[in-house]
N, C-alpha and C. Protein backbone atom coordinates (compact mmCIF):
# COMPACT_ATOMS: atom_id res chain seq x y z
N MET A 1 0.88 -1.25 -0.01
CA MET A 1 -0.03 -0.01 0.05
C MET A 1 0.89 1.23 -0.05
N ALA A 2 0.48 2.25 -0.78
CA ALA A 2 1.29 3.50 -0.77
C ALA A 2 1.34 4.18 0.60
N ASP A 3 2.35 4.80 0.99
CA ASP A 3 2.57 5.45 2.33
C ASP A 3 1.71 6.76 2.33
N PHE A 4 1.54 7.23 3.53
CA PHE A 4 0.68 8.41 3.69
C PHE A 4 1.35 9.60 3.03
N ALA A 5 2.66 9.81 3.07
CA ALA A 5 3.40 10.90 2.43
C ALA A 5 3.16 10.91 0.92
N ASN A 6 3.21 9.64 0.38
CA ASN A 6 3.03 9.56 -1.05
C ASN A 6 1.61 9.92 -1.36
N LEU A 7 0.65 9.49 -0.63
CA LEU A 7 -0.80 9.80 -0.84
C LEU A 7 -1.02 11.24 -0.64
N GLY A 8 -0.51 11.86 0.32
CA GLY A 8 -0.62 13.36 0.52
C GLY A 8 -0.10 14.10 -0.66
N LEU A 9 1.01 13.71 -1.21
CA LEU A 9 1.57 14.43 -2.35
C LEU A 9 0.74 14.21 -3.51
N PHE A 10 0.16 13.02 -3.68
CA PHE A 10 -0.67 12.74 -4.81
C PHE A 10 -1.92 13.58 -4.73
N PHE A 11 -2.46 13.73 -3.53
CA PHE A 11 -3.67 14.56 -3.35
C PHE A 11 -3.47 15.94 -3.79
N LEU A 12 -2.40 16.55 -3.39
CA LEU A 12 -2.00 17.96 -3.78
C LEU A 12 -1.92 18.10 -5.26
N VAL A 13 -1.31 17.06 -5.90
CA VAL A 13 -1.22 17.14 -7.39
C VAL A 13 -2.55 17.07 -8.09
N VAL A 14 -3.35 16.09 -7.55
CA VAL A 14 -4.73 15.86 -8.09
C VAL A 14 -5.61 17.04 -7.87
N PHE A 15 -5.55 17.68 -6.70
CA PHE A 15 -6.36 18.80 -6.39
C PHE A 15 -6.00 19.89 -7.41
N GLY A 16 -4.75 20.15 -7.55
CA GLY A 16 -4.33 21.23 -8.52
C GLY A 16 -4.80 21.02 -9.94
N VAL A 17 -4.77 19.72 -10.36
CA VAL A 17 -5.30 19.44 -11.75
C VAL A 17 -6.80 19.54 -11.83
N ILE A 18 -7.52 19.04 -10.88
CA ILE A 18 -8.92 19.09 -10.94
C ILE A 18 -9.52 20.51 -10.64
N ALA A 19 -8.81 21.27 -9.82
CA ALA A 19 -9.37 22.65 -9.51
C ALA A 19 -9.04 23.57 -10.69
N LEU A 20 -8.15 23.21 -11.52
CA LEU A 20 -7.86 24.07 -12.80
C LEU A 20 -9.02 23.95 -13.76
N PRO A 21 -9.71 25.08 -14.09
CA PRO A 21 -10.79 25.07 -14.89
C PRO A 21 -10.56 24.29 -16.28
N GLY A 22 -11.40 23.47 -16.67
CA GLY A 22 -11.28 22.66 -17.84
C GLY A 22 -12.53 22.21 -18.50
N LEU A 23 -12.59 21.13 -19.24
CA LEU A 23 -13.72 20.68 -19.88
C LEU A 23 -14.74 20.13 -18.86
N ASP A 24 -14.22 19.27 -17.97
CA ASP A 24 -15.16 18.64 -16.95
C ASP A 24 -15.87 19.72 -16.14
N MET A 25 -15.03 20.67 -15.57
CA MET A 25 -15.73 21.66 -14.69
C MET A 25 -16.73 22.60 -15.57
N ALA A 26 -16.39 22.85 -16.73
CA ALA A 26 -17.34 23.67 -17.59
C ALA A 26 -18.59 22.85 -17.80
N PHE A 27 -18.54 21.53 -18.06
CA PHE A 27 -19.64 20.77 -18.25
C PHE A 27 -20.57 20.73 -17.03
N VAL A 28 -19.96 20.56 -15.84
CA VAL A 28 -20.69 20.52 -14.60
C VAL A 28 -21.51 21.85 -14.41
N MET A 29 -20.80 23.01 -14.71
CA MET A 29 -21.42 24.29 -14.49
C MET A 29 -22.56 24.44 -15.52
N ALA A 30 -22.33 23.94 -16.75
CA ALA A 30 -23.45 24.12 -17.79
C ALA A 30 -24.63 23.22 -17.42
N SER A 31 -24.35 22.03 -16.92
CA SER A 31 -25.39 21.11 -16.52
C SER A 31 -26.31 21.73 -15.37
N SER A 32 -25.62 22.29 -14.42
CA SER A 32 -26.29 22.89 -13.24
C SER A 32 -27.13 24.08 -13.66
N LEU A 33 -26.63 24.88 -14.51
CA LEU A 33 -27.26 26.09 -14.91
C LEU A 33 -28.53 25.69 -15.74
N ARG A 34 -28.47 24.68 -16.51
CA ARG A 34 -29.60 24.23 -17.44
C ARG A 34 -30.58 23.43 -16.66
N GLY A 35 -30.07 22.57 -15.75
CA GLY A 35 -31.00 21.49 -15.23
C GLY A 35 -31.14 21.53 -13.67
N GLY A 36 -30.42 22.36 -13.02
CA GLY A 36 -30.56 22.54 -11.61
C GLY A 36 -29.59 21.52 -10.85
N ASN A 37 -29.91 21.41 -9.53
CA ASN A 37 -29.12 20.56 -8.60
C ASN A 37 -28.93 19.09 -9.08
N GLY A 38 -30.03 18.50 -9.48
CA GLY A 38 -29.97 17.04 -9.91
C GLY A 38 -29.12 16.88 -11.11
N ALA A 39 -29.21 17.75 -12.06
CA ALA A 39 -28.44 17.59 -13.34
C ALA A 39 -26.90 17.88 -13.05
N GLY A 40 -26.64 18.83 -12.17
CA GLY A 40 -25.29 19.12 -11.77
C GLY A 40 -24.55 17.95 -11.12
N LEU A 41 -25.29 17.38 -10.07
CA LEU A 41 -24.74 16.25 -9.39
C LEU A 41 -24.70 15.06 -10.21
N ALA A 42 -25.69 14.90 -11.22
CA ALA A 42 -25.51 13.79 -12.07
C ALA A 42 -24.27 13.83 -13.02
N ALA A 43 -23.99 15.13 -13.47
CA ALA A 43 -22.75 15.39 -14.24
C ALA A 43 -21.54 14.97 -13.42
N VAL A 44 -21.53 15.31 -12.07
CA VAL A 44 -20.38 15.00 -11.27
C VAL A 44 -20.20 13.46 -11.10
N SER A 45 -21.33 12.78 -10.92
CA SER A 45 -21.38 11.32 -10.78
C SER A 45 -20.82 10.68 -12.07
N GLY A 46 -21.22 11.15 -13.28
CA GLY A 46 -20.78 10.61 -14.47
C GLY A 46 -19.24 10.78 -14.61
N ILE A 47 -18.78 11.94 -14.23
CA ILE A 47 -17.37 12.22 -14.36
C ILE A 47 -16.64 11.40 -13.43
N MET A 48 -17.04 11.15 -12.31
CA MET A 48 -16.38 10.32 -11.33
C MET A 48 -16.24 8.87 -11.82
N LEU A 49 -17.41 8.35 -12.49
CA LEU A 49 -17.25 7.11 -13.08
C LEU A 49 -16.24 7.03 -14.25
N GLY A 50 -16.19 8.03 -14.97
CA GLY A 50 -15.10 8.14 -16.04
C GLY A 50 -13.79 8.14 -15.46
N GLY A 51 -13.61 8.80 -14.27
CA GLY A 51 -12.34 8.78 -13.55
C GLY A 51 -11.95 7.40 -13.14
N VAL A 52 -12.95 6.55 -12.72
CA VAL A 52 -12.60 5.19 -12.37
C VAL A 52 -12.04 4.37 -13.51
N PHE A 53 -12.64 4.59 -14.76
CA PHE A 53 -12.12 4.04 -15.95
C PHE A 53 -10.72 4.39 -16.19
N HIS A 54 -10.41 5.75 -16.07
CA HIS A 54 -9.07 6.26 -16.26
C HIS A 54 -8.07 5.60 -15.37
N THR A 55 -8.45 5.36 -14.09
CA THR A 55 -7.61 4.77 -13.11
C THR A 55 -7.23 3.33 -13.64
N VAL A 56 -8.24 2.60 -14.06
CA VAL A 56 -8.09 1.20 -14.49
C VAL A 56 -7.02 1.28 -15.71
N MET A 57 -7.32 2.23 -16.57
CA MET A 57 -6.46 2.33 -17.80
C MET A 57 -5.04 2.64 -17.37
N GLY A 58 -4.87 3.42 -16.37
CA GLY A 58 -3.43 3.88 -15.95
C GLY A 58 -2.76 2.64 -15.52
N VAL A 59 -3.43 1.71 -14.74
CA VAL A 59 -2.71 0.49 -14.23
C VAL A 59 -2.46 -0.45 -15.41
N LEU A 60 -3.38 -0.52 -16.31
CA LEU A 60 -3.08 -1.49 -17.41
C LEU A 60 -2.14 -0.99 -18.41
N GLY A 61 -1.74 0.27 -18.32
CA GLY A 61 -0.80 0.85 -19.23
C GLY A 61 -1.23 1.20 -20.53
N VAL A 62 -2.62 1.42 -20.69
CA VAL A 62 -3.16 1.86 -21.94
C VAL A 62 -2.67 3.30 -22.28
N ALA A 63 -2.48 4.06 -21.22
CA ALA A 63 -2.00 5.41 -21.58
C ALA A 63 -0.61 5.40 -22.24
N ALA A 64 0.16 4.43 -21.94
CA ALA A 64 1.51 4.25 -22.58
C ALA A 64 1.33 3.93 -24.04
N ILE A 65 0.29 3.13 -24.33
CA ILE A 65 -0.01 2.81 -25.76
C ILE A 65 -0.32 4.07 -26.50
N LEU A 66 -1.06 4.98 -25.90
CA LEU A 66 -1.51 6.13 -26.54
C LEU A 66 -0.23 7.04 -26.82
N ALA A 67 0.81 7.00 -25.88
CA ALA A 67 2.02 7.74 -26.14
C ALA A 67 2.84 7.16 -27.24
N VAL A 68 2.83 5.88 -27.36
CA VAL A 68 3.63 5.19 -28.46
C VAL A 68 3.05 5.47 -29.78
N TRP A 69 1.68 5.63 -29.89
CA TRP A 69 1.06 5.92 -31.16
C TRP A 69 0.30 7.21 -31.12
N PRO A 70 0.95 8.35 -31.24
CA PRO A 70 0.46 9.72 -31.10
C PRO A 70 -0.89 9.92 -31.93
N PRO A 71 -1.05 9.36 -33.18
CA PRO A 71 -2.26 9.63 -33.89
C PRO A 71 -3.54 9.26 -33.19
N LEU A 72 -3.47 8.19 -32.32
CA LEU A 72 -4.57 7.77 -31.49
C LEU A 72 -4.93 8.79 -30.43
N PHE A 73 -3.81 9.32 -29.82
CA PHE A 73 -4.12 10.38 -28.76
C PHE A 73 -4.70 11.66 -29.47
N ASN A 74 -4.15 12.03 -30.67
CA ASN A 74 -4.71 13.17 -31.31
C ASN A 74 -6.12 12.98 -31.69
N ALA A 75 -6.50 11.76 -32.15
CA ALA A 75 -7.83 11.49 -32.47
C ALA A 75 -8.71 11.59 -31.29
N LEU A 76 -8.35 11.16 -30.17
CA LEU A 76 -9.09 11.23 -28.90
C LEU A 76 -9.25 12.67 -28.42
N LEU A 77 -8.21 13.44 -28.62
CA LEU A 77 -8.23 14.83 -28.17
C LEU A 77 -9.21 15.56 -29.07
N LEU A 78 -9.22 15.28 -30.32
CA LEU A 78 -10.07 16.01 -31.33
C LEU A 78 -11.53 15.59 -30.99
N ALA A 79 -11.82 14.26 -30.72
CA ALA A 79 -13.17 13.79 -30.45
C ALA A 79 -13.72 14.53 -29.22
N GLY A 80 -12.89 14.61 -28.16
CA GLY A 80 -13.32 15.32 -26.92
C GLY A 80 -13.60 16.79 -27.19
N ALA A 81 -12.77 17.44 -27.91
CA ALA A 81 -12.90 18.86 -28.21
C ALA A 81 -14.18 19.14 -28.97
N VAL A 82 -14.48 18.24 -29.98
CA VAL A 82 -15.58 18.46 -30.85
C VAL A 82 -16.87 18.21 -30.01
N TYR A 83 -16.91 17.25 -29.13
CA TYR A 83 -18.07 16.89 -28.32
C TYR A 83 -18.39 18.06 -27.35
N ILE A 84 -17.41 18.65 -26.80
CA ILE A 84 -17.57 19.73 -25.83
C ILE A 84 -17.96 21.01 -26.61
N ALA A 85 -17.33 21.23 -27.75
CA ALA A 85 -17.73 22.42 -28.64
C ALA A 85 -19.22 22.28 -29.02
N TRP A 86 -19.67 21.06 -29.33
CA TRP A 86 -21.05 20.88 -29.75
C TRP A 86 -22.04 21.34 -28.59
N ILE A 87 -21.68 20.88 -27.47
CA ILE A 87 -22.53 21.23 -26.23
C ILE A 87 -22.53 22.77 -26.09
N GLY A 88 -21.36 23.29 -26.18
CA GLY A 88 -21.29 24.84 -26.15
C GLY A 88 -22.02 25.51 -27.13
N TRP A 89 -21.94 25.03 -28.39
CA TRP A 89 -22.71 25.65 -29.52
C TRP A 89 -24.17 25.58 -29.21
N ASN A 90 -24.70 24.53 -28.71
CA ASN A 90 -26.10 24.36 -28.47
C ASN A 90 -26.52 25.52 -27.40
N LEU A 91 -25.63 25.72 -26.41
CA LEU A 91 -25.94 26.76 -25.39
C LEU A 91 -25.92 28.10 -26.03
N LEU A 92 -24.99 28.33 -26.99
CA LEU A 92 -24.83 29.71 -27.67
C LEU A 92 -26.03 29.95 -28.47
N CYS A 93 -26.64 28.94 -28.98
CA CYS A 93 -27.81 29.07 -29.82
C CYS A 93 -29.12 29.05 -29.12
N THR A 94 -29.16 28.70 -27.82
CA THR A 94 -30.39 28.60 -27.03
C THR A 94 -31.17 29.90 -26.89
N ARG A 95 -32.39 29.80 -26.86
CA ARG A 95 -33.25 30.96 -26.54
C ARG A 95 -34.02 30.80 -25.26
N GLU A 96 -33.70 29.79 -24.47
CA GLU A 96 -34.39 29.44 -23.29
C GLU A 96 -33.77 29.94 -22.01
N GLY A 97 -32.35 30.19 -22.04
CA GLY A 97 -31.69 30.56 -20.84
C GLY A 97 -31.71 29.47 -19.87
N VAL A 98 -31.72 29.72 -18.57
CA VAL A 98 -31.78 28.72 -17.44
C VAL A 98 -33.11 28.84 -16.80
N SER A 99 -33.53 27.72 -16.26
CA SER A 99 -34.78 27.62 -15.50
C SER A 99 -34.75 26.43 -14.55
N LEU A 100 -35.72 26.48 -13.59
CA LEU A 100 -35.79 25.48 -12.64
C LEU A 100 -36.23 24.08 -13.35
N PRO A 101 -35.67 22.99 -12.85
CA PRO A 101 -36.09 21.72 -13.55
C PRO A 101 -37.58 21.44 -13.33
N ALA A 102 -38.17 20.92 -14.41
CA ALA A 102 -39.65 20.52 -14.32
C ALA A 102 -39.79 19.06 -14.43
N ALA A 103 -41.03 18.70 -14.81
CA ALA A 103 -41.22 17.21 -14.93
C ALA A 103 -40.26 16.65 -16.07
N GLY A 104 -39.83 15.46 -15.81
CA GLY A 104 -38.90 14.78 -16.65
C GLY A 104 -37.43 15.05 -16.29
N ALA A 105 -37.21 15.75 -15.14
CA ALA A 105 -35.95 16.10 -14.77
C ALA A 105 -35.06 14.78 -14.48
N ALA A 106 -35.71 13.75 -13.92
CA ALA A 106 -35.00 12.55 -13.64
C ALA A 106 -34.47 11.88 -14.89
N ARG A 107 -35.28 11.94 -15.98
CA ARG A 107 -34.78 11.40 -17.19
C ARG A 107 -33.59 12.18 -17.77
N ARG A 108 -33.71 13.48 -17.64
CA ARG A 108 -32.58 14.22 -18.13
C ARG A 108 -31.33 13.99 -17.25
N GLY A 109 -31.66 13.74 -15.91
CA GLY A 109 -30.47 13.49 -15.10
C GLY A 109 -29.72 12.22 -15.55
N ARG A 110 -30.39 11.21 -15.94
CA ARG A 110 -29.75 10.08 -16.51
C ARG A 110 -28.95 10.37 -17.75
N SER A 111 -29.50 11.18 -18.53
CA SER A 111 -28.77 11.57 -19.85
C SER A 111 -27.55 12.43 -19.41
N VAL A 112 -27.67 13.31 -18.53
CA VAL A 112 -26.50 14.10 -18.16
C VAL A 112 -25.45 13.28 -17.48
N PHE A 113 -25.87 12.26 -16.72
CA PHE A 113 -24.79 11.36 -16.10
C PHE A 113 -24.07 10.62 -17.22
N LEU A 114 -24.70 10.23 -18.21
CA LEU A 114 -23.99 9.48 -19.39
C LEU A 114 -23.13 10.57 -20.09
N GLN A 115 -23.57 11.74 -20.34
CA GLN A 115 -22.80 12.76 -21.00
C GLN A 115 -21.57 13.18 -20.15
N GLY A 116 -21.75 13.20 -18.79
CA GLY A 116 -20.68 13.45 -18.00
C GLY A 116 -19.59 12.45 -18.08
N MET A 117 -19.98 11.27 -18.03
CA MET A 117 -19.03 10.10 -18.16
C MET A 117 -18.29 10.22 -19.44
N LEU A 118 -18.98 10.45 -20.54
CA LEU A 118 -18.44 10.58 -21.89
C LEU A 118 -17.42 11.75 -21.96
N THR A 119 -17.85 12.85 -21.28
CA THR A 119 -17.04 14.08 -21.29
C THR A 119 -15.69 13.75 -20.59
N CYS A 120 -15.74 13.00 -19.52
CA CYS A 120 -14.57 12.64 -18.78
C CYS A 120 -13.66 11.71 -19.68
N LEU A 121 -14.36 10.75 -20.21
CA LEU A 121 -13.60 9.73 -21.12
C LEU A 121 -12.93 10.43 -22.27
N LEU A 122 -13.51 11.48 -22.76
CA LEU A 122 -13.04 12.11 -23.95
C LEU A 122 -12.09 13.27 -23.63
N ASN A 123 -11.86 13.53 -22.31
CA ASN A 123 -11.03 14.61 -21.86
C ASN A 123 -9.56 14.35 -21.99
N PRO A 124 -8.84 14.93 -22.92
CA PRO A 124 -7.40 14.65 -23.05
C PRO A 124 -6.55 14.95 -21.89
N LYS A 125 -7.02 15.92 -21.05
CA LYS A 125 -6.20 16.14 -19.76
C LYS A 125 -6.09 15.01 -18.91
N ALA A 126 -7.17 14.19 -18.93
CA ALA A 126 -7.16 13.01 -17.99
C ALA A 126 -6.11 12.04 -18.55
N TYR A 127 -5.99 11.84 -19.86
CA TYR A 127 -5.04 10.92 -20.45
C TYR A 127 -3.58 11.36 -20.19
N VAL A 128 -3.45 12.76 -20.33
CA VAL A 128 -2.08 13.26 -20.02
C VAL A 128 -1.71 13.06 -18.60
N PHE A 129 -2.69 13.21 -17.69
CA PHE A 129 -2.41 12.95 -16.25
C PHE A 129 -2.03 11.53 -15.99
N MET A 130 -2.83 10.53 -16.58
CA MET A 130 -2.51 9.16 -16.43
C MET A 130 -1.19 8.71 -17.02
N LEU A 131 -0.71 9.47 -18.06
CA LEU A 131 0.49 9.13 -18.70
C LEU A 131 1.66 9.68 -18.04
N ALA A 132 1.59 10.97 -17.61
CA ALA A 132 2.78 11.69 -17.11
C ALA A 132 2.87 11.61 -15.57
N ILE A 133 1.72 11.54 -14.83
CA ILE A 133 1.81 11.71 -13.34
C ILE A 133 1.41 10.41 -12.65
N PHE A 134 0.31 9.79 -12.98
CA PHE A 134 -0.17 8.59 -12.36
C PHE A 134 0.84 7.48 -12.12
N PRO A 135 1.62 7.18 -13.11
CA PRO A 135 2.57 6.04 -13.04
C PRO A 135 3.62 6.29 -12.01
N GLN A 136 3.93 7.66 -11.77
CA GLN A 136 4.99 7.94 -10.83
C GLN A 136 4.69 7.59 -9.41
N PHE A 137 3.37 7.38 -9.15
CA PHE A 137 2.93 7.07 -7.77
C PHE A 137 2.67 5.58 -7.55
N LEU A 138 2.92 4.81 -8.62
CA LEU A 138 2.79 3.31 -8.54
C LEU A 138 4.13 2.68 -8.44
N ARG A 139 4.43 2.12 -7.28
CA ARG A 139 5.81 1.56 -7.02
C ARG A 139 5.63 0.11 -6.58
N PRO A 140 6.23 -0.86 -7.42
CA PRO A 140 6.18 -2.28 -7.08
C PRO A 140 6.61 -2.55 -5.62
N GLU A 141 7.62 -1.84 -5.14
CA GLU A 141 8.21 -2.14 -3.84
C GLU A 141 7.27 -1.75 -2.77
N ARG A 142 6.17 -1.03 -2.96
CA ARG A 142 5.29 -0.58 -2.02
C ARG A 142 4.09 -1.55 -1.92
N GLY A 143 4.13 -2.61 -2.69
CA GLY A 143 3.02 -3.67 -2.58
C GLY A 143 2.37 -3.78 -3.95
N GLY A 144 1.15 -4.52 -3.88
CA GLY A 144 0.42 -4.65 -5.13
C GLY A 144 -0.03 -3.44 -5.87
N LEU A 145 0.20 -3.35 -7.15
CA LEU A 145 -0.17 -2.21 -7.92
C LEU A 145 -1.66 -1.95 -7.85
N TRP A 146 -2.52 -2.94 -7.82
CA TRP A 146 -4.00 -2.71 -7.82
C TRP A 146 -4.36 -2.13 -6.53
N ALA A 147 -3.70 -2.57 -5.33
CA ALA A 147 -4.07 -1.96 -4.06
C ALA A 147 -3.71 -0.45 -4.11
N GLN A 148 -2.52 -0.21 -4.65
CA GLN A 148 -2.03 1.23 -4.70
C GLN A 148 -2.98 1.99 -5.64
N ALA A 149 -3.33 1.40 -6.68
CA ALA A 149 -4.20 2.17 -7.66
C ALA A 149 -5.65 2.38 -7.07
N ALA A 150 -6.16 1.49 -6.17
CA ALA A 150 -7.36 1.71 -5.43
C ALA A 150 -7.32 2.94 -4.56
N ALA A 151 -6.23 3.03 -3.85
CA ALA A 151 -6.01 4.12 -2.88
C ALA A 151 -6.01 5.44 -3.67
N LEU A 152 -5.17 5.40 -4.77
CA LEU A 152 -5.06 6.65 -5.58
C LEU A 152 -6.38 6.99 -6.29
N GLY A 153 -7.11 5.94 -6.75
CA GLY A 153 -8.34 6.15 -7.41
C GLY A 153 -9.47 6.78 -6.45
N LEU A 154 -9.39 6.33 -5.19
CA LEU A 154 -10.34 6.93 -4.21
C LEU A 154 -9.99 8.35 -4.02
N ILE A 155 -8.65 8.74 -3.93
CA ILE A 155 -8.36 10.18 -3.88
C ILE A 155 -8.89 11.04 -4.96
N ILE A 156 -8.75 10.43 -6.18
CA ILE A 156 -9.28 11.19 -7.37
C ILE A 156 -10.75 11.27 -7.29
N ALA A 157 -11.48 10.32 -6.83
CA ALA A 157 -12.95 10.36 -6.80
C ALA A 157 -13.40 11.32 -5.75
N PHE A 158 -12.80 11.31 -4.61
CA PHE A 158 -13.25 12.23 -3.55
C PHE A 158 -12.87 13.67 -3.86
N THR A 159 -11.72 13.91 -4.56
CA THR A 159 -11.41 15.25 -4.98
C THR A 159 -12.38 15.80 -6.05
N GLN A 160 -12.71 14.90 -7.05
CA GLN A 160 -13.69 15.27 -8.02
C GLN A 160 -15.01 15.62 -7.41
N ALA A 161 -15.47 14.80 -6.44
CA ALA A 161 -16.69 15.01 -5.71
C ALA A 161 -16.77 16.42 -5.02
N ALA A 162 -15.64 16.73 -4.32
CA ALA A 162 -15.54 17.93 -3.53
C ALA A 162 -15.50 19.12 -4.44
N VAL A 163 -14.67 19.11 -5.43
CA VAL A 163 -14.43 20.35 -6.34
C VAL A 163 -15.63 20.50 -7.22
N TYR A 164 -16.01 19.47 -7.97
CA TYR A 164 -17.04 19.62 -8.92
C TYR A 164 -18.41 19.78 -8.23
N GLY A 165 -18.56 19.05 -7.10
CA GLY A 165 -19.72 19.19 -6.30
C GLY A 165 -20.03 20.66 -5.89
N ALA A 166 -18.87 21.31 -5.43
CA ALA A 166 -18.93 22.80 -5.02
C ALA A 166 -19.23 23.68 -6.24
N VAL A 167 -18.81 23.26 -7.37
CA VAL A 167 -19.15 24.03 -8.64
C VAL A 167 -20.60 23.94 -8.90
N ALA A 168 -21.13 22.59 -8.87
CA ALA A 168 -22.56 22.34 -9.10
C ALA A 168 -23.51 23.12 -8.23
N LEU A 169 -23.16 23.08 -6.88
CA LEU A 169 -24.08 23.67 -5.98
C LEU A 169 -23.99 25.21 -6.14
N GLY A 170 -22.72 25.70 -6.28
CA GLY A 170 -22.65 27.20 -6.56
C GLY A 170 -23.46 27.65 -7.80
N ALA A 171 -23.32 26.84 -8.82
CA ALA A 171 -24.07 27.25 -10.03
C ALA A 171 -25.48 27.18 -9.75
N LEU A 172 -26.00 26.25 -8.92
CA LEU A 172 -27.40 26.13 -8.61
C LEU A 172 -27.98 27.41 -7.95
N GLY A 173 -27.10 28.04 -7.01
CA GLY A 173 -27.59 29.32 -6.44
C GLY A 173 -27.77 30.34 -7.42
N ALA A 174 -26.83 30.43 -8.40
CA ALA A 174 -26.94 31.39 -9.47
C ALA A 174 -28.14 31.00 -10.30
N GLN A 175 -28.41 29.72 -10.59
CA GLN A 175 -29.50 29.41 -11.35
C GLN A 175 -30.85 29.80 -10.81
N ARG A 176 -30.96 29.72 -9.56
CA ARG A 176 -32.23 30.07 -8.85
C ARG A 176 -32.51 31.59 -8.98
N TRP A 177 -31.41 32.38 -8.97
CA TRP A 177 -31.58 33.74 -9.06
C TRP A 177 -31.93 34.13 -10.46
N MET A 178 -31.29 33.50 -11.44
CA MET A 178 -31.53 33.82 -12.90
C MET A 178 -32.82 33.34 -13.34
N THR A 179 -33.40 32.41 -12.70
CA THR A 179 -34.79 31.89 -13.09
C THR A 179 -35.74 33.00 -13.11
N GLY A 180 -35.65 33.96 -12.17
CA GLY A 180 -36.48 35.17 -12.10
C GLY A 180 -36.06 36.32 -12.96
N ASN A 181 -34.96 36.08 -13.66
CA ASN A 181 -34.37 37.16 -14.54
C ASN A 181 -34.02 36.58 -15.86
N PRO A 182 -35.02 36.41 -16.72
CA PRO A 182 -34.86 35.64 -17.96
C PRO A 182 -33.67 36.14 -18.85
N GLN A 183 -33.56 37.42 -18.86
CA GLN A 183 -32.35 37.94 -19.72
C GLN A 183 -31.06 37.57 -19.13
N ALA A 184 -30.88 37.63 -17.74
CA ALA A 184 -29.66 37.23 -17.23
C ALA A 184 -29.35 35.79 -17.37
N GLY A 185 -30.50 34.94 -17.27
CA GLY A 185 -30.38 33.52 -17.54
C GLY A 185 -29.88 33.20 -18.88
N LEU A 186 -30.46 33.86 -19.88
CA LEU A 186 -30.13 33.66 -21.30
C LEU A 186 -28.66 34.00 -21.51
N ALA A 187 -28.20 35.21 -20.81
CA ALA A 187 -26.80 35.67 -21.01
C ALA A 187 -25.90 34.67 -20.42
N ALA A 188 -26.23 34.06 -19.20
CA ALA A 188 -25.41 33.18 -18.59
C ALA A 188 -25.26 31.82 -19.34
N ALA A 189 -26.34 31.30 -19.87
CA ALA A 189 -26.30 30.13 -20.69
C ALA A 189 -25.36 30.38 -21.93
N ARG A 190 -25.42 31.49 -22.57
CA ARG A 190 -24.61 31.78 -23.75
C ARG A 190 -23.17 32.00 -23.36
N ALA A 191 -22.92 32.55 -22.04
CA ALA A 191 -21.62 32.75 -21.58
C ALA A 191 -20.86 31.32 -21.36
N VAL A 192 -21.63 30.44 -20.74
CA VAL A 192 -21.12 29.16 -20.40
C VAL A 192 -20.94 28.43 -21.76
N GLY A 193 -21.79 28.66 -22.76
CA GLY A 193 -21.57 28.01 -24.07
C GLY A 193 -20.28 28.52 -24.68
N ALA A 194 -20.03 29.90 -24.60
CA ALA A 194 -18.76 30.45 -25.05
C ALA A 194 -17.55 29.79 -24.34
N LEU A 195 -17.73 29.62 -23.10
CA LEU A 195 -16.67 29.05 -22.34
C LEU A 195 -16.34 27.60 -22.79
N LEU A 196 -17.37 26.86 -23.01
CA LEU A 196 -17.18 25.52 -23.56
C LEU A 196 -16.40 25.53 -24.88
N VAL A 197 -16.98 26.34 -25.81
CA VAL A 197 -16.35 26.39 -27.10
C VAL A 197 -14.91 26.84 -27.00
N GLY A 198 -14.73 27.83 -26.18
CA GLY A 198 -13.28 28.32 -26.01
C GLY A 198 -12.39 27.31 -25.43
N ALA A 199 -12.92 26.51 -24.44
CA ALA A 199 -12.09 25.48 -23.79
C ALA A 199 -11.76 24.42 -24.86
N ALA A 200 -12.71 24.07 -25.73
CA ALA A 200 -12.47 23.09 -26.77
C ALA A 200 -11.40 23.52 -27.72
N LEU A 201 -11.46 24.81 -28.16
CA LEU A 201 -10.44 25.33 -29.08
C LEU A 201 -9.10 25.40 -28.40
N LEU A 202 -9.09 25.77 -27.09
CA LEU A 202 -7.77 25.80 -26.51
C LEU A 202 -7.22 24.40 -26.29
N THR A 203 -8.03 23.45 -26.08
CA THR A 203 -7.59 22.05 -25.99
C THR A 203 -6.90 21.59 -27.26
N VAL A 204 -7.57 21.93 -28.38
CA VAL A 204 -7.00 21.51 -29.67
C VAL A 204 -5.72 22.15 -29.93
N LEU A 205 -5.66 23.52 -29.67
CA LEU A 205 -4.41 24.22 -29.99
C LEU A 205 -3.33 23.76 -29.12
N GLN A 206 -3.49 23.48 -27.81
CA GLN A 206 -2.47 23.00 -26.89
C GLN A 206 -2.05 21.61 -27.33
N GLY A 207 -2.97 20.80 -27.74
CA GLY A 207 -2.67 19.42 -28.14
C GLY A 207 -1.79 19.35 -29.30
N TRP A 208 -1.89 20.27 -30.31
CA TRP A 208 -1.19 20.24 -31.51
C TRP A 208 -0.02 21.19 -31.49
N ALA A 209 0.19 21.91 -30.30
CA ALA A 209 1.31 22.86 -30.26
C ALA A 209 2.68 22.16 -30.29
C-alpha cells in the first residue's frame, strides 16, 4: 500500500489538476445552470465514473500505448474537443436561458450522467495525467499495484466530488436567481456556451502545439 506521504503528495497534485478550470468543470457548470441541482450532481457522478475508468487504464498501461502511437491520442483529443464544442454551441444558440427543472428532470439526469461520463472519457487532460503523473505514484516495492491504484483512485474520486460538487451547488444558487431574471439567465447560458467552445479550441491548440 502507498505510504501516507506519497498519498498526501498525490492529493495535492490531483487537487491542482482538478481545480484548474477545464472541460469537466465547464460541463458541470453548464449542466447545473440548465438542469438544476440534480443535473449538476448527475454530471459530477458521471465524471467520477469516467475517472474510475481512467484509473483502470492507468494501471493496465493503456496510456502508454497512446503515447507510443500519437495519432490515436490526437484523434481522442479531437473527439473530446468536438463533443464539448457541440454542447457549447447548443448553449450559444439557445433561446431558453436557465430555468428550474420541471417534470422529466429525472430522465434528463440520467442523460446528463452519461454525458458527464463521456465528457471525462474524452477529456485529453485525463489521459495526459494518467501518462505523465499517475505512473510515478505506482511503485512495485510498496506492494500490489492494484491496491495502490485503488487508494489513488479513491483520492481522485473524492477530490472530483468535492471540487465539482462545489461548482454544481454554486451554479445552482446562481441558477435560482437567474430563473427570475430571464435575460440574465439567457446571457449566462450563452456565456457558459462560449466558455465550452473556448475550452475546446484551447484544448485542440495546446494538443497540436
